[in-house]
Structures are given as C-alpha cells and as structure tokens.
Amino acid sequence: MRTRRGICYPEVNTMCSEKRRRDANFAGAQMIISRKRLKSLSGSPVLNASGHCDFFDSLPDDIVLAILAKLGSTAGCPADFISVLSTCKRFNGLGLHSLVLFKASPNCFAVKAKKWSESSHRFLKRCSDAGNAEASYTLGMIRFYCLQNRGGGASFMAKAAIRSHAPALYSLAVIQFNGSGGLKNDKDLRAGVALCARAAFLGHIDALRELGHCLQDGYGVSKNVAEGRRLLIQANARELAAVLSTTPATLFSGKRLTWNPLPHLVGPGCPLLSDFGCNVPAPTPHPANQFLADWFSGKPPSPELRLCSHGGCGRPETRRHEFRRCSVCGDVNYCSRACQALDWKLRHKAVCRQAVDNGEFNGNVNENDIMVVER
C-alpha cells in the first residue's frame, strides 16, 4: 500500500507551510529581541545585528526622559528641540512625553509669526496640557490677540496664572484695566490692581511699575503718592539689577552701561533711575510679545484699531479708543502706564520735547517727568 508523500500535495499547500514557517521564525526573532531588550534593562548591553554592543538601547527610559527634559529646558530655539526629536525613533517617542513638555523652555515654542501653522498650535496645546505655564501663556496671548478667540485665550492665560505665572497675571491685569475683548463698561479696575499686586509680588517689573502708577494716580485703588513713588524706584532698581546680572562683562566694558545726566538726549537704550542718569540697554521682550509684534507688523488689526506704541509690547486694541493716548502729540497709544513710562524714557520723550519747544504743548507733565496720557 503506497503512502502519500509530500510531493503528492498541491503546490499551494507547500507555499502555505513555508509562509507559516517564516512567520514562526519572525515571531521567534521578535521574542529573542524582546528578551534581549528586557535583559538590557537589567544592565547588560544589547547586541545589534553586527554583533556589537548597543549601549544606547540599554539605557532605561527614565534616564532618557531626564536627559531630554534637561535639553528641552535649556534649548535656545525651536530648532534645537526639533533636531533632537528627529534624531531617532526613540527620541521622537520620548521627546513628546508629558515630563519633557512640562519642562520645555519658552524658547522651545517661540515660533515665528510667519511660520505659524496648525502643527505649531497643536504643539503649544500639547505643552499646555502637560502643565507648562509658559506654553499656556504664549498660546493664550496668541489666541486672545492674534486669533481673536477671546474666551479661549483668556482661559489659557488664567490656566498659567493659577500656576503663579507672573507675565500671565500681568496680562490679565491689562485686560481688566482696558476691558479688552468687551465694552468700555467691562473694565474692572479693582481686579486689575489685585492681579498687578500678585504679579509684582512674584517679581514682575512691569506689574510693579504699573502698580506704582496706580497708587500715584489713585487708579483702581486709594491714592498713595509716597507708596507709588517707592514702587516705581523699586521697579527701576530691579530692572537695573536684572540687566547687570545677565551680562555684567559687556555692560561694564564701557560700551553699553553709560552715565549721562540728561538721559532723554541719549540714543538707543532704556534709561533707568533717570534721576541719576544711569542708562542700560532696552529689555528683551517676552517671546509672546515678540510674536504679537511680528504678527501685527504684517497684518494690522484694522484701520480703526491701534497698536501699543511701545516696541516691546505688541498688543493691539480690541475696540476703538481702548488704549491711552498721549495728551501732547496724540500720535502714540499705550495699553498700560508701564508701557507708556518705558516708551517715554526710551524714545518718545525726545519727540514730545520737540513738541513742547515748538509751543504745541496741550497737556501736562507730572512731577516725575512722565507725560500724562488720556484714555
């Protein structure tokens, strides 16, 4: 009796058996790789296809996450962080971990206005969801002023403010002072002063300067000229100390830190402690403010709406006649007294001085040589 041998089976069955054999070999190889992977986590190096040890794959994920979080917190621009994510598949997966995004520096998502895209929006949203207060503040500013999503932008700034983010607290204070996103009757001066006080307590210099002007003018708070002057001097001293602590070598080289008893006659620079004639470079604007300035430089909000004349602000009006207007020339507008004071010392004082000399003065200059502005 002949037995049926393998050659009697159809060819298709042979192919199926070979496929099953290949699948079994592949599954076995995957098991071996996973075993090596598990073994590598215990400390022994992994052998790659060429038989050499791969020490990178032997690193546990928590160590790689710590390294990526350190890189993200010290990145100087978005390209630094993106180049790390594109290095390998493992970095791409772990680089978007919530721990890494939580510690990402503001420079990681300081995207340029001309390069703004939906993917940039999603990345900022993901950083905000991870608990990054800087990302929440930046996205809130972009949504509120650029995308005109007032409710969503204010909610993101409030999310950052809850985490004691000083710039977010100050931005919300400016919104309350101006009633931005609403009507003129929507101003809440007491809430603005409270937010300014909290931001000033956290060390925000513009908030401290704004609070000093509010106390001097009795704006939203009981008038206290002496306390207001003390806060203004404290704001100038803090700004001078911040500049000296960042770049002391270049400042004391004689090229950037200067002495001039007439600070309004100085060219580019921001004179602080002007009673003593001390001049330091203009402060670097926050990445969110720089984004606003770049965005509206090419896309004006509308002919009826004006931008804050302080170059480091970038905020636009959300309704007509929302910002302060200089009472002398009427050509400059400011979202806050802090921006007005900085721009007055930095640039506008010389222009208005010409207007005063030409007999065009129709306003007042207060005892601190700061121009009184109208709302």
Protein backbone atom coordinates (compact mmCIF):
# COMPACT_ATOMS: atom_id res chain seq x y z
CA MET A 1 0.00 0.00 0.00
CA ARG A 2 1.55 3.33 -1.13
CA THR A 3 1.61 6.10 1.34
CA ARG A 4 1.05 9.64 0.29
CA ARG A 5 4.31 11.50 0.29
CA GLY A 6 4.89 15.19 0.45
CA ILE A 7 5.32 15.50 -3.29
CA CYS A 8 1.73 14.43 -3.78
CA TYR A 9 0.36 17.53 -2.02
CA PRO A 10 -0.59 20.53 -4.16
CA GLU A 11 1.99 23.30 -4.55
CA VAL A 12 -0.22 25.86 -2.84
CA ASN A 13 -0.12 23.88 0.40
CA THR A 14 3.65 23.88 0.27
CA MET A 15 3.65 27.65 -0.06
CA CYS A 16 1.31 27.99 2.90
CA SER A 17 3.53 25.83 5.02
CA GLU A 18 6.56 27.91 4.08
CA LYS A 19 4.67 31.08 4.99
CA ARG A 20 3.77 29.61 8.36
CA ARG A 21 7.40 28.65 8.88
CA ARG A 22 8.58 32.14 8.05
CA ASP A 23 6.02 33.67 10.38
CA ALA A 24 7.13 31.35 13.13
CA ASN A 25 10.76 32.31 12.58
CA PHE A 26 9.84 36.02 12.62
CA ALA A 27 7.85 35.62 15.84
CA GLY A 28 10.76 33.77 17.38
CA ALA A 29 13.14 36.53 16.38
CA GLN A 30 10.84 39.14 17.90
CA MET A 31 10.73 37.16 21.12
CA ILE A 32 14.52 36.97 21.16
CA ILE A 33 14.75 40.74 20.60
CA SER A 34 12.24 41.44 23.35
CA ARG A 35 14.14 39.13 25.68
CA LYS A 36 17.34 40.97 24.87
CA ARG A 37 15.53 44.23 25.45
CA LEU A 38 14.31 43.07 28.83
CA LYS A 39 17.73 41.77 29.59
CA SER A 40 19.28 45.09 28.64
CA LEU A 41 17.09 46.90 31.14
CA SER A 42 18.74 44.84 33.84
CA GLY A 43 22.13 46.26 32.94
CA SER A 44 23.69 44.10 30.22
CA PRO A 45 24.34 45.69 26.79
CA VAL A 46 22.27 44.83 23.73
CA LEU A 47 23.82 43.13 20.71
CA ASN A 48 22.85 44.65 17.38
CA ALA A 49 22.75 42.91 14.00
CA SER A 50 26.53 43.19 13.53
CA GLY A 51 27.22 41.66 16.91
CA HIS A 52 28.40 44.87 18.59
CA CYS A 53 27.05 46.18 21.86
CA ASP A 54 24.43 48.97 21.64
CA PHE A 55 24.76 50.87 24.89
CA PHE A 56 22.13 53.45 23.92
CA ASP A 57 19.35 50.86 23.81
CA SER A 58 20.46 49.60 27.21
CA LEU A 59 19.56 52.93 28.84
CA PRO A 60 16.26 52.85 30.74
CA ASP A 61 13.51 55.17 29.57
CA ASP A 62 13.54 57.25 32.74
CA ILE A 63 17.18 58.22 32.20
CA VAL A 64 16.48 59.18 28.58
CA LEU A 65 13.47 61.22 29.73
CA ALA A 66 15.62 63.07 32.25
CA ILE A 67 18.18 63.87 29.56
CA LEU A 68 15.51 65.07 27.11
CA ALA A 69 13.86 67.20 29.82
CA LYS A 70 17.21 68.86 30.54
CA LEU A 71 17.77 69.51 26.84
CA GLY A 72 14.27 70.96 26.47
CA SER A 73 14.68 73.27 29.44
CA THR A 74 17.95 74.70 28.05
CA ALA A 75 17.04 74.87 24.34
CA GLY A 76 17.78 78.20 22.71
CA CYS A 77 15.30 77.95 19.84
CA PRO A 78 12.64 75.55 18.49
CA ALA A 79 15.15 74.07 16.02
CA ASP A 80 17.29 72.78 18.90
CA PHE A 81 14.41 70.77 20.30
CA ILE A 82 13.09 69.59 16.92
CA SER A 83 16.53 68.38 15.84
CA VAL A 84 16.67 66.18 18.94
CA LEU A 85 13.24 64.70 18.18
CA SER A 86 14.29 63.86 14.62
CA THR A 87 17.45 62.03 15.73
CA CYS A 88 15.89 58.62 16.16
CA LYS A 89 12.56 56.92 16.69
CA ARG A 90 13.12 56.54 20.41
CA PHE A 91 13.84 60.23 20.90
CA ASN A 92 10.79 61.08 18.82
CA GLY A 93 8.57 58.98 21.06
CA LEU A 94 10.04 60.00 24.42
CA GLY A 95 10.54 63.65 23.41
CA LEU A 96 6.78 64.19 23.40
CA HIS A 97 6.36 62.77 26.88
CA SER A 98 4.50 65.00 29.31
CA LEU A 99 7.53 65.24 31.60
CA VAL A 100 9.67 66.64 28.77
CA LEU A 101 6.98 69.05 27.56
CA PHE A 102 6.32 70.24 31.10
CA LYS A 103 9.93 71.40 31.49
CA ALA A 104 10.33 72.83 27.98
CA SER A 105 11.73 76.36 27.98
CA PRO A 106 9.91 79.31 26.33
CA ASN A 107 12.48 79.21 23.53
CA CYS A 108 11.31 75.72 22.55
CA PHE A 109 7.94 77.03 21.37
CA ALA A 110 9.00 80.59 20.48
CA VAL A 111 7.76 80.09 16.94
CA LYS A 112 8.00 82.97 14.49
CA ALA A 113 4.77 84.63 13.41
CA LYS A 114 5.46 83.99 9.73
CA LYS A 115 5.94 80.27 10.46
CA TRP A 116 2.77 79.87 12.48
CA SER A 117 0.79 76.78 11.48
CA GLU A 118 -1.75 74.33 12.82
CA SER A 119 1.06 71.99 13.87
CA SER A 120 2.58 74.81 15.95
CA HIS A 121 -0.83 75.33 17.53
CA ARG A 122 -1.11 71.63 18.37
CA PHE A 123 2.39 71.55 19.86
CA LEU A 124 1.66 74.53 22.11
CA LYS A 125 -1.63 72.94 23.13
CA ARG A 126 0.16 69.71 23.97
CA CYS A 127 2.74 71.55 26.09
CA SER A 128 -0.07 73.39 27.84
CA ASP A 129 -1.89 70.14 28.56
CA ALA A 130 1.33 68.81 30.08
CA GLY A 131 1.23 71.67 32.61
CA ASN A 132 3.75 74.06 31.03
CA ALA A 133 2.74 77.52 32.25
CA GLU A 134 4.84 79.34 29.64
CA ALA A 135 3.11 77.43 26.84
CA SER A 136 -0.30 78.24 28.32
CA TYR A 137 0.59 81.94 28.50
CA THR A 138 2.03 82.07 24.98
CA LEU A 139 -0.93 80.21 23.47
CA GLY A 140 -3.33 82.40 25.43
CA MET A 141 -1.76 85.61 24.11
CA ILE A 142 -1.82 84.29 20.53
CA ARG A 143 -5.43 83.17 20.79
CA PHE A 144 -6.66 86.31 22.51
CA TYR A 145 -4.98 88.94 20.34
CA CYS A 146 -3.95 87.26 17.07
CA LEU A 147 -6.66 84.65 16.50
CA GLN A 148 -9.31 86.82 18.24
CA ASN A 149 -10.51 83.89 20.32
CA ARG A 150 -11.07 85.97 23.44
CA GLY A 151 -12.59 83.31 25.65
CA GLY A 152 -10.09 80.59 24.77
CA GLY A 153 -7.12 82.95 25.08
CA ALA A 154 -8.23 84.27 28.47
CA SER A 155 -8.77 80.71 29.74
CA PHE A 156 -5.24 79.68 28.75
CA MET A 157 -3.78 82.77 30.43
CA ALA A 158 -5.86 82.02 33.52
CA LYS A 159 -4.51 78.47 33.46
CA ALA A 160 -0.99 79.88 33.58
CA ALA A 161 -1.94 82.44 36.22
CA ILE A 162 -3.20 79.68 38.50
CA ARG A 163 0.34 78.31 38.41
CA SER A 164 1.63 81.72 39.64
CA HIS A 165 2.95 82.74 36.23
CA ALA A 166 3.75 86.44 36.65
CA PRO A 167 3.50 87.54 32.97
CA ALA A 168 0.09 85.86 32.69
CA LEU A 169 -1.12 87.65 35.81
CA TYR A 170 0.06 90.98 34.44
CA SER A 171 -1.55 90.35 31.03
CA LEU A 172 -4.85 89.56 32.70
CA ALA A 173 -4.46 92.78 34.70
CA VAL A 174 -4.02 94.78 31.46
CA ILE A 175 -7.16 93.10 30.09
CA GLN A 176 -9.08 94.10 33.20
CA PHE A 177 -7.79 97.69 33.13
CA ASN A 178 -8.77 98.16 29.48
CA GLY A 179 -11.84 95.92 29.35
CA SER A 180 -10.19 94.16 26.39
CA GLY A 181 -12.45 91.87 24.42
CA GLY A 182 -15.56 93.65 25.66
CA LEU A 183 -17.07 97.09 26.12
CA LYS A 184 -15.70 100.08 27.97
CA ASN A 185 -18.04 99.37 30.86
CA ASP A 186 -16.46 95.91 31.26
CA LYS A 187 -13.38 97.40 32.92
CA ASP A 188 -12.68 96.08 36.40
CA LEU A 189 -10.05 98.33 37.96
CA ARG A 190 -10.04 96.61 41.35
CA ALA A 191 -9.45 93.22 39.74
CA GLY A 192 -6.66 94.72 37.65
CA VAL A 193 -4.95 96.15 40.71
CA ALA A 194 -5.25 92.82 42.53
CA LEU A 195 -3.71 90.93 39.61
CA CYS A 196 -0.94 93.55 39.33
CA ALA A 197 -0.19 93.23 43.02
CA ARG A 198 0.10 89.46 42.74
CA ALA A 199 2.40 89.70 39.69
CA ALA A 200 4.51 92.37 41.40
CA PHE A 201 4.86 90.14 44.44
CA LEU A 202 6.22 87.42 42.13
CA GLY A 203 8.84 89.85 40.80
CA HIS A 204 7.30 91.09 37.54
CA ILE A 205 8.85 94.50 36.90
CA ASP A 206 6.17 95.89 34.58
CA ALA A 207 3.48 94.91 37.08
CA LEU A 208 5.41 96.64 39.85
CA ARG A 209 5.72 99.77 37.71
CA GLU A 210 2.01 99.65 36.80
CA LEU A 211 1.05 99.25 40.46
CA GLY A 212 3.19 102.25 41.37
CA HIS A 213 1.41 104.43 38.81
CA CYS A 214 -1.98 103.20 40.03
CA LEU A 215 -1.10 104.24 43.57
CA GLN A 216 0.21 107.61 42.41
CA ASP A 217 -2.91 108.35 40.37
CA GLY A 218 -5.47 106.67 42.62
CA TYR A 219 -6.49 104.45 39.69
CA GLY A 220 -8.46 101.48 40.99
CA VAL A 221 -7.01 101.91 44.47
CA SER A 222 -6.79 104.56 47.16
CA LYS A 223 -4.28 107.24 46.22
CA ASN A 224 -0.93 106.96 47.96
CA VAL A 225 1.74 109.06 46.25
CA ALA A 226 4.59 108.14 48.59
CA GLU A 227 3.99 104.38 48.23
CA GLY A 228 3.63 104.73 44.48
CA ARG A 229 6.96 106.54 44.16
CA ARG A 230 8.62 103.88 46.29
CA LEU A 231 7.32 101.12 43.99
CA LEU A 232 8.49 102.99 40.88
CA ILE A 233 12.00 103.35 42.29
CA GLN A 234 11.95 99.69 43.29
CA ALA A 235 10.92 98.71 39.74
CA ASN A 236 13.80 100.70 38.26
CA ALA A 237 16.26 99.18 40.71
CA ARG A 238 15.06 95.64 39.94
CA GLU A 239 15.33 96.20 36.21
CA LEU A 240 18.84 97.58 36.58
CA ALA A 241 19.82 94.62 38.78
CA ALA A 242 18.36 92.17 36.26
CA VAL A 243 20.38 93.68 33.43
CA LEU A 244 23.58 93.74 35.48
CA SER A 245 23.14 90.08 36.47
CA THR A 246 22.63 88.85 32.91
CA THR A 247 25.53 90.42 31.03
CA PRO A 248 27.87 92.09 33.52
CA ALA A 249 31.00 91.75 31.39
CA THR A 250 29.66 93.60 28.35
CA LEU A 251 27.87 96.19 30.44
CA PHE A 252 30.98 97.23 32.33
CA SER A 253 33.09 97.32 29.17
CA GLY A 254 32.08 100.97 28.75
CA LYS A 255 30.03 100.41 25.61
CA ARG A 256 26.60 99.57 26.97
CA LEU A 257 26.37 100.97 30.52
CA THR A 258 26.76 104.73 30.33
CA TRP A 259 26.41 107.75 32.55
CA ASN A 260 24.56 110.78 31.28
CA PRO A 261 22.92 113.49 33.39
CA LEU A 262 20.46 114.13 30.50
CA PRO A 263 19.09 110.65 29.72
CA HIS A 264 16.44 111.95 27.29
CA LEU A 265 19.20 113.01 24.92
CA VAL A 266 20.67 109.50 24.72
CA GLY A 267 20.15 107.42 21.56
CA PRO A 268 19.09 103.75 21.64
CA GLY A 269 18.81 102.44 25.15
CA CYS A 270 16.49 102.38 28.12
CA PRO A 271 17.43 104.94 30.81
CA LEU A 272 16.63 103.62 34.26
CA LEU A 273 16.99 105.55 37.51
CA SER A 274 16.89 108.62 35.30
CA ASP A 275 17.30 110.92 38.29
CA PHE A 276 20.88 109.64 38.46
CA GLY A 277 21.43 109.49 34.68
CA CYS A 278 22.03 105.71 34.52
CA ASN A 279 21.35 104.16 31.11
CA VAL A 280 21.20 100.44 30.22
CA PRO A 281 20.08 98.60 27.07
CA ALA A 282 16.39 98.17 26.38
CA PRO A 283 14.97 94.98 27.96
CA THR A 284 14.39 91.99 25.69
CA PRO A 285 10.66 91.45 25.09
CA HIS A 286 8.98 88.22 26.08
CA PRO A 287 8.65 85.69 23.20
CA ALA A 288 4.87 86.07 23.33
CA ASN A 289 5.10 89.85 22.96
CA GLN A 290 7.63 89.46 20.18
CA PHE A 291 5.20 87.13 18.39
CA LEU A 292 2.44 89.74 18.65
CA ALA A 293 4.73 92.47 17.31
CA ASP A 294 5.79 90.30 14.35
CA TRP A 295 2.23 89.17 13.67
CA PHE A 296 0.71 92.64 13.50
CA SER A 297 3.67 94.19 11.70
CA GLY A 298 2.48 92.44 8.56
CA LYS A 299 -1.20 92.14 9.46
CA PRO A 300 -2.59 95.31 11.05
CA PRO A 301 -5.75 94.52 13.04
CA SER A 302 -7.86 97.16 11.21
CA PRO A 303 -7.66 100.85 10.31
CA GLU A 304 -9.74 101.79 13.37
CA LEU A 305 -7.67 99.77 15.85
CA ARG A 306 -4.24 100.86 17.05
CA LEU A 307 -1.18 99.02 18.34
CA CYS A 308 0.62 99.80 21.58
CA SER A 309 3.42 102.21 20.65
CA HIS A 310 5.91 100.54 22.99
CA GLY A 311 8.03 98.32 20.74
CA GLY A 312 8.35 95.53 23.29
CA CYS A 313 4.60 95.08 23.82
CA GLY A 314 2.82 94.21 20.54
CA ARG A 315 -0.71 94.33 21.98
CA PRO A 316 -3.46 95.66 19.69
CA GLU A 317 -6.74 97.27 20.62
CA THR A 318 -9.81 95.05 20.69
CA ARG A 319 -12.16 98.02 20.23
CA ARG A 320 -11.82 101.64 19.21
CA HIS A 321 -10.14 104.09 21.60
CA GLU A 322 -9.24 101.35 24.04
CA PHE A 323 -5.63 102.40 24.73
CA ARG A 324 -4.21 105.52 26.33
CA ARG A 325 -3.29 108.42 24.06
CA CYS A 326 -0.51 110.94 24.61
CA SER A 327 -2.07 114.29 25.54
CA VAL A 328 0.68 116.28 23.78
CA CYS A 329 1.09 114.82 20.31
CA GLY A 330 -1.78 112.33 20.21
CA ASP A 331 0.27 110.13 17.88
CA VAL A 332 1.19 107.34 20.31
CA ASN A 333 -1.02 104.91 22.21
CA TYR A 334 -0.28 102.64 25.14
CA CYS A 335 -2.06 99.66 26.64
CA SER A 336 -0.75 100.43 30.15
CA ARG A 337 1.10 103.01 32.17
CA ALA A 338 4.08 100.67 32.34
CA CYS A 339 4.43 100.63 28.54
CA GLN A 340 3.91 104.40 28.46
CA ALA A 341 6.63 105.01 31.04
CA LEU A 342 9.14 102.76 29.29
CA ASP A 343 8.49 104.20 25.84
CA TRP A 344 8.61 107.75 27.25
CA LYS A 345 12.11 107.17 28.62
CA LEU A 346 13.23 105.11 25.65
CA ARG A 347 12.02 107.06 22.64
CA HIS A 348 9.01 109.33 22.94
CA LYS A 349 10.42 111.84 25.41
CA ALA A 350 12.63 113.45 22.76
CA VAL A 351 9.72 113.72 20.29
CA CYS A 352 7.35 115.27 22.79
CA ARG A 353 10.15 117.55 23.97
CA GLN A 354 10.25 118.97 20.45
CA ALA A 355 6.51 119.48 20.59
CA VAL A 356 6.87 121.39 23.87
CA ASP A 357 9.69 123.52 22.49
CA ASN A 358 7.60 124.38 19.42
CA GLY A 359 4.74 125.60 21.57
CA GLU A 360 2.48 122.65 20.77
CA PHE A 361 2.08 121.60 24.39
CA ASN A 362 -1.54 120.96 25.34
CA GLY A 363 -1.11 118.54 28.19
CA ASN A 364 0.74 118.15 31.47
CA VAL A 365 3.98 116.63 32.67
CA ASN A 366 3.85 115.30 36.20
CA GLU A 367 6.48 115.67 38.89
CA ASN A 368 8.33 112.53 37.71
CA ASP A 369 8.76 113.95 34.17
CA ILE A 370 6.25 111.39 32.88
CA MET A 371 3.73 112.56 30.33
CA VAL A 372 0.11 112.45 31.43
CA VAL A 373 -1.99 110.45 28.99
CA GLU A 374 -5.68 110.39 28.24
CA ARG A 375 -7.98 107.42 27.92
